[in-house]
């Protein structure tokens, strides 16, 4: 039987993990999300307004669980991330999502508000 991490640690994982880096340039927001150990087919993304939902489930075999002494990595991720900028209101708001070497890279076009004012 697999041993679980304590409640305090579980709360930490649910609140903090996975780590997310966000980079904003003029017309897009790029998110880098560390979720190592998952397979691309087991990761589901959705965007509702400015809330990005990430759900991932790691498949483990009975043999892996039988030999597990301690498990400090989550087997399930269910994370909602508030996007801090206005997302373009389109059907295909996410322009790309790639998963490579444990890092999920998501590119989202953003709306530019206002206009530059020329000073004379």
C-alpha atoms as a PDB file:
ATOM      1  CA  UNK A   1       0.000   0.000   0.000  1.00  0.00           C
ATOM      2  CA  UNK A   2       1.296   3.427  -0.960  1.00  0.00           C
ATOM      3  CA  UNK A   3       2.050   5.824   1.873  1.00  0.00           C
ATOM      4  CA  UNK A   4       0.664   9.334   1.531  1.00  0.00           C
ATOM      5  CA  UNK A   5       2.299  12.555   2.572  1.00  0.00           C
ATOM      6  CA  UNK A   6       0.805  14.364   5.566  1.00  0.00           C
ATOM      7  CA  UNK A   7      -2.133  16.759   5.375  1.00  0.00           C
ATOM      8  CA  UNK A   8       0.035  19.873   5.733  1.00  0.00           C
ATOM      9  CA  UNK A   9       2.229  18.796   2.823  1.00  0.00           C
ATOM     10  CA  UNK A  10      -0.822  17.846   0.731  1.00  0.00           C
ATOM     11  CA  UNK A  11      -2.276  21.333   1.299  1.00  0.00           C
ATOM     12  CA  UNK A  12       1.047  22.829   0.196  1.00  0.00           C
ATOM     13  CA  UNK A  13       1.021  20.802  -3.025  1.00  0.00           C
ATOM     14  CA  UNK A  14      -2.565  21.763  -3.805  1.00  0.00           C
ATOM     15  CA  UNK A  15      -1.965  25.466  -3.118  1.00  0.00           C
ATOM     16  CA  UNK A  16       1.542  26.029  -4.487  1.00  0.00           C
ATOM     17  CA  UNK A  17       2.194  23.333  -7.048  1.00  0.00           C
ATOM     18  CA  UNK A  18       2.633  23.147  -9.878  1.00  0.00           C
ATOM     19  CA  UNK A  19       5.068  26.054 -10.111  1.00  0.00           C
ATOM     20  CA  UNK A  20       4.046  28.586 -12.762  1.00  0.00           C
ATOM     21  CA  UNK A  21       6.144  31.263 -14.479  1.00  0.00           C
ATOM     22  CA  UNK A  22       4.392  33.931 -16.572  1.00  0.00           C
ATOM     23  CA  UNK A  23       6.047  36.133 -19.176  1.00  0.00           C
ATOM     24  CA  UNK A  24       4.163  39.007 -20.830  1.00  0.00           C
ATOM     25  CA  UNK A  25       5.175  40.754 -24.007  1.00  0.00           C
ATOM     26  CA  UNK A  26       3.184  43.155 -26.201  1.00  0.00           C
ATOM     27  CA  UNK A  27       0.653  40.692 -27.579  1.00  0.00           C
ATOM     28  CA  UNK A  28       0.962  37.398 -25.705  1.00  0.00           C
ATOM     29  CA  UNK A  29       1.281  35.835 -22.290  1.00  0.00           C
ATOM     30  CA  UNK A  30       3.470  32.739 -22.003  1.00  0.00           C
ATOM     31  CA  UNK A  31       3.009  30.378 -19.076  1.00  0.00           C
ATOM     32  CA  UNK A  32       5.625  27.780 -18.117  1.00  0.00           C
ATOM     33  CA  UNK A  33       4.189  25.144 -15.797  1.00  0.00           C
ATOM     34  CA  UNK A  34       6.328  22.376 -14.258  1.00  0.00           C
ATOM     35  CA  UNK A  35       4.419  19.089 -14.167  1.00  0.00           C
ATOM     36  CA  UNK A  36       7.045  16.353 -14.541  1.00  0.00           C
ATOM     37  CA  UNK A  37       6.102  12.694 -14.635  1.00  0.00           C
ATOM     38  CA  UNK A  38       2.810  13.126 -16.481  1.00  0.00           C
ATOM     39  CA  UNK A  39       2.022  12.040 -20.015  1.00  0.00           C
ATOM     40  CA  UNK A  40       0.693  14.541 -22.529  1.00  0.00           C
ATOM     41  CA  UNK A  41      -2.435  12.431 -23.121  1.00  0.00           C
ATOM     42  CA  UNK A  42      -3.330  12.702 -19.398  1.00  0.00           C
ATOM     43  CA  UNK A  43      -3.246  16.513 -19.246  1.00  0.00           C
ATOM     44  CA  UNK A  44      -6.416  18.507 -19.861  1.00  0.00           C
ATOM     45  CA  UNK A  45      -6.550  22.286 -20.201  1.00  0.00           C
ATOM     46  CA  UNK A  46      -9.481  24.680 -20.370  1.00  0.00           C
ATOM     47  CA  UNK A  47      -9.786  28.447 -20.391  1.00  0.00           C
ATOM     48  CA  UNK A  48     -12.930  30.159 -19.133  1.00  0.00           C
ATOM     49  CA  UNK A  49     -12.587  33.923 -19.301  1.00  0.00           C
ATOM     50  CA  UNK A  50      -9.314  34.587 -17.505  1.00  0.00           C
ATOM     51  CA  UNK A  51      -9.278  31.325 -15.492  1.00  0.00           C
ATOM     52  CA  UNK A  52      -6.993  28.584 -16.799  1.00  0.00           C
ATOM     53  CA  UNK A  53      -7.779  25.092 -15.484  1.00  0.00           C
ATOM     54  CA  UNK A  54      -5.158  22.361 -15.512  1.00  0.00           C
ATOM     55  CA  UNK A  55      -6.094  18.781 -14.749  1.00  0.00           C
ATOM     56  CA  UNK A  56      -3.614  15.941 -14.924  1.00  0.00           C
ATOM     57  CA  UNK A  57      -3.645  12.390 -13.655  1.00  0.00           C
ATOM     58  CA  UNK A  58      -0.624  10.125 -13.465  1.00  0.00           C
ATOM     59  CA  UNK A  59      -1.209   6.470 -14.206  1.00  0.00           C
ATOM     60  CA  UNK A  60       0.662   4.151 -11.853  1.00  0.00           C
ATOM     61  CA  UNK A  61       0.850   0.404 -11.874  1.00  0.00           C
ATOM     62  CA  UNK A  62       0.107  -1.821  -8.895  1.00  0.00           C
ATOM     63  CA  UNK A  63       3.763  -2.888  -8.862  1.00  0.00           C
ATOM     64  CA  UNK A  64       4.942   0.734  -8.613  1.00  0.00           C
ATOM     65  CA  UNK A  65       2.536   1.373  -5.742  1.00  0.00           C
ATOM     66  CA  UNK A  66       3.542  -1.848  -3.986  1.00  0.00           C
ATOM     67  CA  UNK A  67       7.212  -0.853  -3.925  1.00  0.00           C
ATOM     68  CA  UNK A  68       6.576   2.826  -3.044  1.00  0.00           C
ATOM     69  CA  UNK A  69       8.043   3.808   0.318  1.00  0.00           C
ATOM     70  CA  UNK A  70       7.166   7.495   0.211  1.00  0.00           C
ATOM     71  CA  UNK A  71       5.310   9.543  -2.383  1.00  0.00           C
ATOM     72  CA  UNK A  72       5.903  13.289  -2.272  1.00  0.00           C
ATOM     73  CA  UNK A  73       4.944  14.049  -5.856  1.00  0.00           C
ATOM     74  CA  UNK A  74       1.279  14.514  -6.672  1.00  0.00           C
ATOM     75  CA  UNK A  75      -0.382  11.907  -8.872  1.00  0.00           C
ATOM     76  CA  UNK A  76      -3.262  14.272  -9.574  1.00  0.00           C
ATOM     77  CA  UNK A  77      -3.168  17.962 -10.396  1.00  0.00           C
ATOM     78  CA  UNK A  78      -6.345  20.025 -10.390  1.00  0.00           C
ATOM     79  CA  UNK A  79      -5.230  23.645 -10.511  1.00  0.00           C
ATOM     80  CA  UNK A  80      -6.958  26.865 -11.480  1.00  0.00           C
ATOM     81  CA  UNK A  81      -4.789  29.831 -12.381  1.00  0.00           C
ATOM     82  CA  UNK A  82      -6.097  33.363 -12.715  1.00  0.00           C
ATOM     83  CA  UNK A  83      -4.620  34.996 -15.795  1.00  0.00           C
ATOM     84  CA  UNK A  84      -3.610  38.528 -14.667  1.00  0.00           C
ATOM     85  CA  UNK A  85      -4.325  40.213 -18.030  1.00  0.00           C
ATOM     86  CA  UNK A  86      -7.312  40.393 -20.368  1.00  0.00           C
ATOM     87  CA  UNK A  87      -7.403  37.420 -22.703  1.00  0.00           C
ATOM     88  CA  UNK A  88      -8.579  37.916 -26.278  1.00  0.00           C
ATOM     89  CA  UNK A  89     -12.229  36.935 -26.337  1.00  0.00           C
ATOM     90  CA  UNK A  90     -12.102  34.310 -29.060  1.00  0.00           C
ATOM     91  CA  UNK A  91     -13.171  30.728 -29.448  1.00  0.00           C
ATOM     92  CA  UNK A  92      -9.526  29.649 -29.714  1.00  0.00           C
ATOM     93  CA  UNK A  93      -8.065  31.944 -27.057  1.00  0.00           C
ATOM     94  CA  UNK A  94      -4.990  29.749 -26.480  1.00  0.00           C
ATOM     95  CA  UNK A  95      -2.682  29.979 -29.475  1.00  0.00           C
ATOM     96  CA  UNK A  96      -0.478  27.037 -28.449  1.00  0.00           C
ATOM     97  CA  UNK A  97       0.097  24.466 -25.716  1.00  0.00           C
ATOM     98  CA  UNK A  98       3.153  22.203 -25.735  1.00  0.00           C
ATOM     99  CA  UNK A  99       4.385  19.629 -23.237  1.00  0.00           C
ATOM    100  CA  UNK A 100       8.042  18.675 -23.358  1.00  0.00           C
ATOM    101  CA  UNK A 101      10.409  17.264 -20.714  1.00  0.00           C
ATOM    102  CA  UNK A 102       7.930  17.880 -17.887  1.00  0.00           C
ATOM    103  CA  UNK A 103       7.238  21.509 -18.777  1.00  0.00           C
ATOM    104  CA  UNK A 104       3.882  22.660 -20.136  1.00  0.00           C
ATOM    105  CA  UNK A 105       4.228  25.847 -22.230  1.00  0.00           C
ATOM    106  CA  UNK A 106       1.015  27.727 -22.969  1.00  0.00           C
ATOM    107  CA  UNK A 107       0.813  30.835 -25.154  1.00  0.00           C
ATOM    108  CA  UNK A 108      -2.262  33.054 -24.840  1.00  0.00           C
ATOM    109  CA  UNK A 109      -2.892  36.150 -26.998  1.00  0.00           C
ATOM    110  CA  UNK A 110      -3.792  39.157 -24.842  1.00  0.00           C
ATOM    111  CA  UNK A 111      -5.785  42.299 -25.525  1.00  0.00           C
ATOM    112  CA  UNK A 112      -4.005  45.583 -25.592  1.00  0.00           C
ATOM    113  CA  UNK A 113      -6.009  48.305 -23.894  1.00  0.00           C
ATOM    114  CA  UNK A 114      -5.734  51.955 -24.490  1.00  0.00           C
ATOM    115  CA  UNK A 115      -3.470  53.653 -26.943  1.00  0.00           C
ATOM    116  CA  UNK A 116      -0.163  55.414 -26.800  1.00  0.00           C
ATOM    117  CA  UNK A 117      -0.373  59.188 -26.486  1.00  0.00           C
ATOM    118  CA  UNK A 118       2.147  61.231 -28.377  1.00  0.00           C
ATOM    119  CA  UNK A 119       3.587  64.158 -26.457  1.00  0.00           C
ATOM    120  CA  UNK A 120       4.375  67.187 -28.577  1.00  0.00           C
END
